[in-house]
Amino acid sequence: MPTILTKAQALVQELTTLMPTQYQQESLQALLGLFLEATGSPLPQYCQTFVRKCLESLS
């Protein structure tokens, strides 16, 4: 019987695959990571890609 963690991981994987672009997939993963951490401060392992991609899109 699958645990709640297994179900949650499957749901996140399914949501990620629904995103049409790599940028959207990375953004979703970054947002979910920050949400799940819930400390109020960004985590470098999630934010480096997200911030770099945002800055690239502005230039």
PDB file of N, CA and C in Angstrom:
ATOM      1  N   MET A   1       0.846  -1.186   0.000  1.00  0.00           N
ATOM      2  CA  MET A   1       0.000   0.000   0.000  1.00  0.00           C
ATOM      3  C   MET A   1       0.892   1.251   0.000  1.00  0.00           C
ATOM      4  N   PRO A   2       0.662   2.173  -0.934  1.00  0.00           N
ATOM      5  CA  PRO A   2       1.501   3.373  -1.013  1.00  0.00           C
ATOM      6  C   PRO A   2       1.297   4.287   0.198  1.00  0.00           C
ATOM      7  N   THR A   3       2.389   4.846   0.639  1.00  0.00           N
ATOM      8  CA  THR A   3       2.323   5.792   1.751  1.00  0.00           C
ATOM      9  C   THR A   3       1.959   7.167   1.225  1.00  0.00           C
ATOM     10  N   ILE A   4       1.688   8.077   2.140  1.00  0.00           N
ATOM     11  CA  ILE A   4       1.342   9.443   1.730  1.00  0.00           C
ATOM     12  C   ILE A   4       2.526  10.115   1.038  1.00  0.00           C
ATOM     13  N   LEU A   5       3.741   9.782   1.468  1.00  0.00           N
ATOM     14  CA  LEU A   5       4.931  10.344   0.826  1.00  0.00           C
ATOM     15  C   LEU A   5       5.036   9.878  -0.622  1.00  0.00           C
ATOM     16  N   THR A   6       4.773   8.617  -0.853  1.00  0.00           N
ATOM     17  CA  THR A   6       4.805   8.079  -2.212  1.00  0.00           C
ATOM     18  C   THR A   6       3.751   8.750  -3.086  1.00  0.00           C
ATOM     19  N   LYS A   7       2.567   8.934  -2.535  1.00  0.00           N
ATOM     20  CA  LYS A   7       1.495   9.602  -3.287  1.00  0.00           C
ATOM     21  C   LYS A   7       1.854  11.053  -3.581  1.00  0.00           C
ATOM     22  N   ALA A   8       2.445  11.741  -2.599  1.00  0.00           N
ATOM     23  CA  ALA A   8       2.834  13.138  -2.789  1.00  0.00           C
ATOM     24  C   ALA A   8       3.916  13.258  -3.849  1.00  0.00           C
ATOM     25  N   GLN A   9       4.893  12.356  -3.823  1.00  0.00           N
ATOM     26  CA  GLN A   9       5.950  12.384  -4.830  1.00  0.00           C
ATOM     27  C   GLN A   9       5.389  12.130  -6.229  1.00  0.00           C
ATOM     28  N   ALA A  10       4.456  11.224  -6.330  1.00  0.00           N
ATOM     29  CA  ALA A  10       3.835  10.944  -7.625  1.00  0.00           C
ATOM     30  C   ALA A  10       3.044  12.149  -8.126  1.00  0.00           C
ATOM     31  N   LEU A  11       2.349  12.825  -7.227  1.00  0.00           N
ATOM     32  CA  LEU A  11       1.588  14.013  -7.603  1.00  0.00           C
ATOM     33  C   LEU A  11       2.504  15.129  -8.095  1.00  0.00           C
ATOM     34  N   VAL A  12       3.595  15.366  -7.381  1.00  0.00           N
ATOM     35  CA  VAL A  12       4.550  16.406  -7.799  1.00  0.00           C
ATOM     36  C   VAL A  12       5.145  16.044  -9.150  1.00  0.00           C
ATOM     37  N   GLN A  13       5.490  14.788  -9.346  1.00  0.00           N
ATOM     38  CA  GLN A  13       6.041  14.355 -10.632  1.00  0.00           C
ATOM     39  C   GLN A  13       5.034  14.571 -11.759  1.00  0.00           C
ATOM     40  N   GLU A  14       3.784  14.239 -11.503  1.00  0.00           N
ATOM     41  CA  GLU A  14       2.753  14.411 -12.526  1.00  0.00           C
ATOM     42  C   GLU A  14       2.539  15.891 -12.838  1.00  0.00           C
ATOM     43  N   LEU A  15       2.495  16.728 -11.817  1.00  0.00           N
ATOM     44  CA  LEU A  15       2.331  18.166 -12.035  1.00  0.00           C
ATOM     45  C   LEU A  15       3.504  18.733 -12.828  1.00  0.00           C
ATOM     46  N   THR A  16       4.695  18.283 -12.511  1.00  0.00           N
ATOM     47  CA  THR A  16       5.881  18.770 -13.214  1.00  0.00           C
ATOM     48  C   THR A  16       5.833  18.398 -14.692  1.00  0.00           C
ATOM     49  N   THR A  17       5.390  17.188 -14.991  1.00  0.00           N
ATOM     50  CA  THR A  17       5.343  16.774 -16.395  1.00  0.00           C
ATOM     51  C   THR A  17       4.260  17.506 -17.186  1.00  0.00           C
ATOM     52  N   LEU A  18       3.295  18.091 -16.501  1.00  0.00           N
ATOM     53  CA  LEU A  18       2.246  18.851 -17.188  1.00  0.00           C
ATOM     54  C   LEU A  18       2.723  20.228 -17.641  1.00  0.00           C
ATOM     55  N   MET A  19       3.819  20.708 -17.065  1.00  0.00           N
ATOM     56  CA  MET A  19       4.348  22.015 -17.446  1.00  0.00           C
ATOM     57  C   MET A  19       4.975  21.901 -18.836  1.00  0.00           C
ATOM     58  N   PRO A  20       4.597  22.773 -19.767  1.00  0.00           N
ATOM     59  CA  PRO A  20       5.059  22.626 -21.156  1.00  0.00           C
ATOM     60  C   PRO A  20       6.530  22.979 -21.394  1.00  0.00           C
ATOM     61  N   THR A  21       7.122  23.813 -20.563  1.00  0.00           N
ATOM     62  CA  THR A  21       8.520  24.200 -20.805  1.00  0.00           C
ATOM     63  C   THR A  21       9.391  23.838 -19.609  1.00  0.00           C
ATOM     64  N   GLN A  22      10.684  23.725 -19.876  1.00  0.00           N
ATOM     65  CA  GLN A  22      11.657  23.432 -18.817  1.00  0.00           C
ATOM     66  C   GLN A  22      11.635  24.548 -17.763  1.00  0.00           C
ATOM     67  N   TYR A  23      11.513  25.788 -18.217  1.00  0.00           N
ATOM     68  CA  TYR A  23      11.460  26.936 -17.307  1.00  0.00           C
ATOM     69  C   TYR A  23      10.291  26.795 -16.330  1.00  0.00           C
ATOM     70  N   GLN A  24       9.125  26.429 -16.843  1.00  0.00           N
ATOM     71  CA  GLN A  24       7.954  26.267 -15.978  1.00  0.00           C
ATOM     72  C   GLN A  24       8.131  25.094 -15.013  1.00  0.00           C
ATOM     73  N   GLN A  25       8.761  24.038 -15.470  1.00  0.00           N
ATOM     74  CA  GLN A  25       9.019  22.904 -14.592  1.00  0.00           C
ATOM     75  C   GLN A  25       9.940  23.300 -13.449  1.00  0.00           C
ATOM     76  N   GLU A  26      11.011  24.027 -13.766  1.00  0.00           N
ATOM     77  CA  GLU A  26      11.953  24.460 -12.739  1.00  0.00           C
ATOM     78  C   GLU A  26      11.303  25.465 -11.787  1.00  0.00           C
ATOM     79  N   SER A  27      10.477  26.342 -12.320  1.00  0.00           N
ATOM     80  CA  SER A  27       9.782  27.317 -11.484  1.00  0.00           C
ATOM     81  C   SER A  27       8.832  26.616 -10.510  1.00  0.00           C
ATOM     82  N   LEU A  28       8.093  25.628 -10.998  1.00  0.00           N
ATOM     83  CA  LEU A  28       7.186  24.875 -10.140  1.00  0.00           C
ATOM     84  C   LEU A  28       7.956  24.156  -9.045  1.00  0.00           C
ATOM     85  N   GLN A  29       9.049  23.536  -9.404  1.00  0.00           N
ATOM     86  CA  GLN A  29       9.859  22.836  -8.406  1.00  0.00           C
ATOM     87  C   GLN A  29      10.415  23.810  -7.368  1.00  0.00           C
ATOM     88  N   ALA A  30      10.833  24.989  -7.805  1.00  0.00           N
ATOM     89  CA  ALA A  30      11.343  25.987  -6.867  1.00  0.00           C
ATOM     90  C   ALA A  30      10.251  26.462  -5.916  1.00  0.00           C
ATOM     91  N   LEU A  31       9.079  26.745  -6.462  1.00  0.00           N
ATOM     92  CA  LEU A  31       7.972  27.207  -5.619  1.00  0.00           C
ATOM     93  C   LEU A  31       7.516  26.134  -4.638  1.00  0.00           C
ATOM     94  N   LEU A  32       7.421  24.905  -5.103  1.00  0.00           N
ATOM     95  CA  LEU A  32       7.038  23.819  -4.209  1.00  0.00           C
ATOM     96  C   LEU A  32       8.089  23.600  -3.124  1.00  0.00           C
ATOM     97  N   GLY A  33       9.341  23.709  -3.501  1.00  0.00           N
ATOM     98  CA  GLY A  33      10.413  23.561  -2.517  1.00  0.00           C
ATOM     99  C   GLY A  33      10.346  24.624  -1.437  1.00  0.00           C
ATOM    100  N   LEU A  34      10.117  25.859  -1.835  1.00  0.00           N
ATOM    101  CA  LEU A  34      10.000  26.941  -0.858  1.00  0.00           C
ATOM    102  C   LEU A  34       8.754  26.778  -0.004  1.00  0.00           C
ATOM    103  N   PHE A  35       7.672  26.358  -0.611  1.00  0.00           N
ATOM    104  CA  PHE A  35       6.438  26.132   0.125  1.00  0.00           C
ATOM    105  C   PHE A  35       6.605  25.022   1.160  1.00  0.00           C
ATOM    106  N   LEU A  36       7.219  23.938   0.756  1.00  0.00           N
ATOM    107  CA  LEU A  36       7.389  22.807   1.666  1.00  0.00           C
ATOM    108  C   LEU A  36       8.373  23.111   2.786  1.00  0.00           C
ATOM    109  N   GLU A  37       9.360  23.934   2.509  1.00  0.00           N
ATOM    110  CA  GLU A  37      10.323  24.309   3.549  1.00  0.00           C
ATOM    111  C   GLU A  37       9.663  25.238   4.566  1.00  0.00           C
ATOM    112  N   ALA A  38       8.890  26.196   4.090  1.00  0.00           N
ATOM    113  CA  ALA A  38       8.076  27.102   4.919  1.00  0.00           C
ATOM    114  C   ALA A  38       8.841  27.803   6.024  1.00  0.00           C
ATOM    115  N   THR A  39      10.062  28.243   5.734  1.00  0.00           N
ATOM    116  CA  THR A  39      10.818  28.992   6.743  1.00  0.00           C
ATOM    117  C   THR A  39      10.767  30.490   6.492  1.00  0.00           C
ATOM    118  N   GLY A  40      10.278  30.869   5.342  1.00  0.00           N
ATOM    119  CA  GLY A  40      10.218  32.291   5.026  1.00  0.00           C
ATOM    120  C   GLY A  40      11.457  32.801   4.324  1.00  0.00           C
ATOM    121  N   SER A  41      12.468  31.974   4.191  1.00  0.00           N
ATOM    122  CA  SER A  41      13.674  32.385   3.478  1.00  0.00           C
ATOM    123  C   SER A  41      13.947  31.406   2.345  1.00  0.00           C
ATOM    124  N   PRO A  42      14.454  31.904   1.212  1.00  0.00           N
ATOM    125  CA  PRO A  42      14.682  31.036   0.060  1.00  0.00           C
ATOM    126  C   PRO A  42      15.841  30.070   0.297  1.00  0.00           C
ATOM    127  N   LEU A  43      15.744  28.918  -0.316  1.00  0.00           N
ATOM    128  CA  LEU A  43      16.814  27.934  -0.244  1.00  0.00           C
ATOM    129  C   LEU A  43      17.683  28.051  -1.490  1.00  0.00           C
ATOM    130  N   PRO A  44      18.989  28.121  -1.324  1.00  0.00           N
ATOM    131  CA  PRO A  44      19.865  28.289  -2.491  1.00  0.00           C
ATOM    132  C   PRO A  44      19.704  27.202  -3.549  1.00  0.00           C
ATOM    133  N   GLN A  45      19.511  25.962  -3.151  1.00  0.00           N
ATOM    134  CA  GLN A  45      19.431  24.905  -4.152  1.00  0.00           C
ATOM    135  C   GLN A  45      18.205  25.049  -5.039  1.00  0.00           C
ATOM    136  N   TYR A  46      17.169  25.735  -4.582  1.00  0.00           N
ATOM    137  CA  TYR A  46      15.986  25.957  -5.403  1.00  0.00           C
ATOM    138  C   TYR A  46      16.058  27.299  -6.118  1.00  0.00           C
ATOM    139  N   CYS A  47      16.636  28.283  -5.495  1.00  0.00           N
ATOM    140  CA  CYS A  47      16.563  29.648  -6.011  1.00  0.00           C
ATOM    141  C   CYS A  47      17.618  29.987  -7.057  1.00  0.00           C
ATOM    142  N   GLN A  48      18.734  29.306  -7.075  1.00  0.00           N
ATOM    143  CA  GLN A  48      19.779  29.653  -8.031  1.00  0.00           C
ATOM    144  C   GLN A  48      19.266  29.568  -9.463  1.00  0.00           C
ATOM    145  N   THR A  49      18.659  28.479  -9.817  1.00  0.00           N
ATOM    146  CA  THR A  49      18.147  28.299 -11.175  1.00  0.00           C
ATOM    147  C   THR A  49      16.999  29.258 -11.437  1.00  0.00           C
ATOM    148  N   PHE A  50      16.105  29.368 -10.488  1.00  0.00           N
ATOM    149  CA  PHE A  50      14.927  30.208 -10.644  1.00  0.00           C
ATOM    150  C   PHE A  50      15.321  31.667 -10.878  1.00  0.00           C
ATOM    151  N   VAL A  51      16.205  32.202 -10.044  1.00  0.00           N
ATOM    152  CA  VAL A  51      16.622  33.606 -10.169  1.00  0.00           C
ATOM    153  C   VAL A  51      17.398  33.812 -11.467  1.00  0.00           C
ATOM    154  N   ARG A  52      18.303  32.897 -11.796  1.00  0.00           N
ATOM    155  CA  ARG A  52      19.093  33.035 -13.025  1.00  0.00           C
ATOM    156  C   ARG A  52      18.175  33.058 -14.241  1.00  0.00           C
ATOM    157  N   LYS A  53      17.197  32.164 -14.279  1.00  0.00           N
ATOM    158  CA  LYS A  53      16.265  32.110 -15.412  1.00  0.00           C
ATOM    159  C   LYS A  53      15.430  33.383 -15.483  1.00  0.00           C
ATOM    160  N   CYS A  54      15.006  33.900 -14.332  1.00  0.00           N
ATOM    161  CA  CYS A  54      14.229  35.141 -14.329  1.00  0.00           C
ATOM    162  C   CYS A  54      15.044  36.299 -14.873  1.00  0.00           C
ATOM    163  N   LEU A  55      16.290  36.394 -14.446  1.00  0.00           N
ATOM    164  CA  LEU A  55      17.146  37.479 -14.913  1.00  0.00           C
ATOM    165  C   LEU A  55      17.433  37.345 -16.406  1.00  0.00           C
ATOM    166  N   GLU A  56      17.608  36.118 -16.881  1.00  0.00           N
ATOM    167  CA  GLU A  56      17.849  35.902 -18.298  1.00  0.00           C
ATOM    168  C   GLU A  56      16.643  36.318 -19.137  1.00  0.00           C
ATOM    169  N   SER A  57      15.454  36.101 -18.608  1.00  0.00           N
ATOM    170  CA  SER A  57      14.259  36.442 -19.369  1.00  0.00           C
ATOM    171  C   SER A  57      14.066  37.962 -19.474  1.00  0.00           C
ATOM    172  N   LEU A  58      14.651  38.701 -18.527  1.00  0.00           N
ATOM    173  CA  LEU A  58      14.525  40.157 -18.556  1.00  0.00           C
ATOM    174  C   LEU A  58      15.509  40.807 -19.518  1.00  0.00           C
ATOM    175  N   SER A  59      16.591  40.129 -19.831  1.00  0.00           N
ATOM    176  CA  SER A  59      17.612  40.740 -20.702  1.00  0.00           C
ATOM    177  C   SER A  59      17.376  40.455 -22.164  1.00  0.00           C
TER     178      SER A  59
END
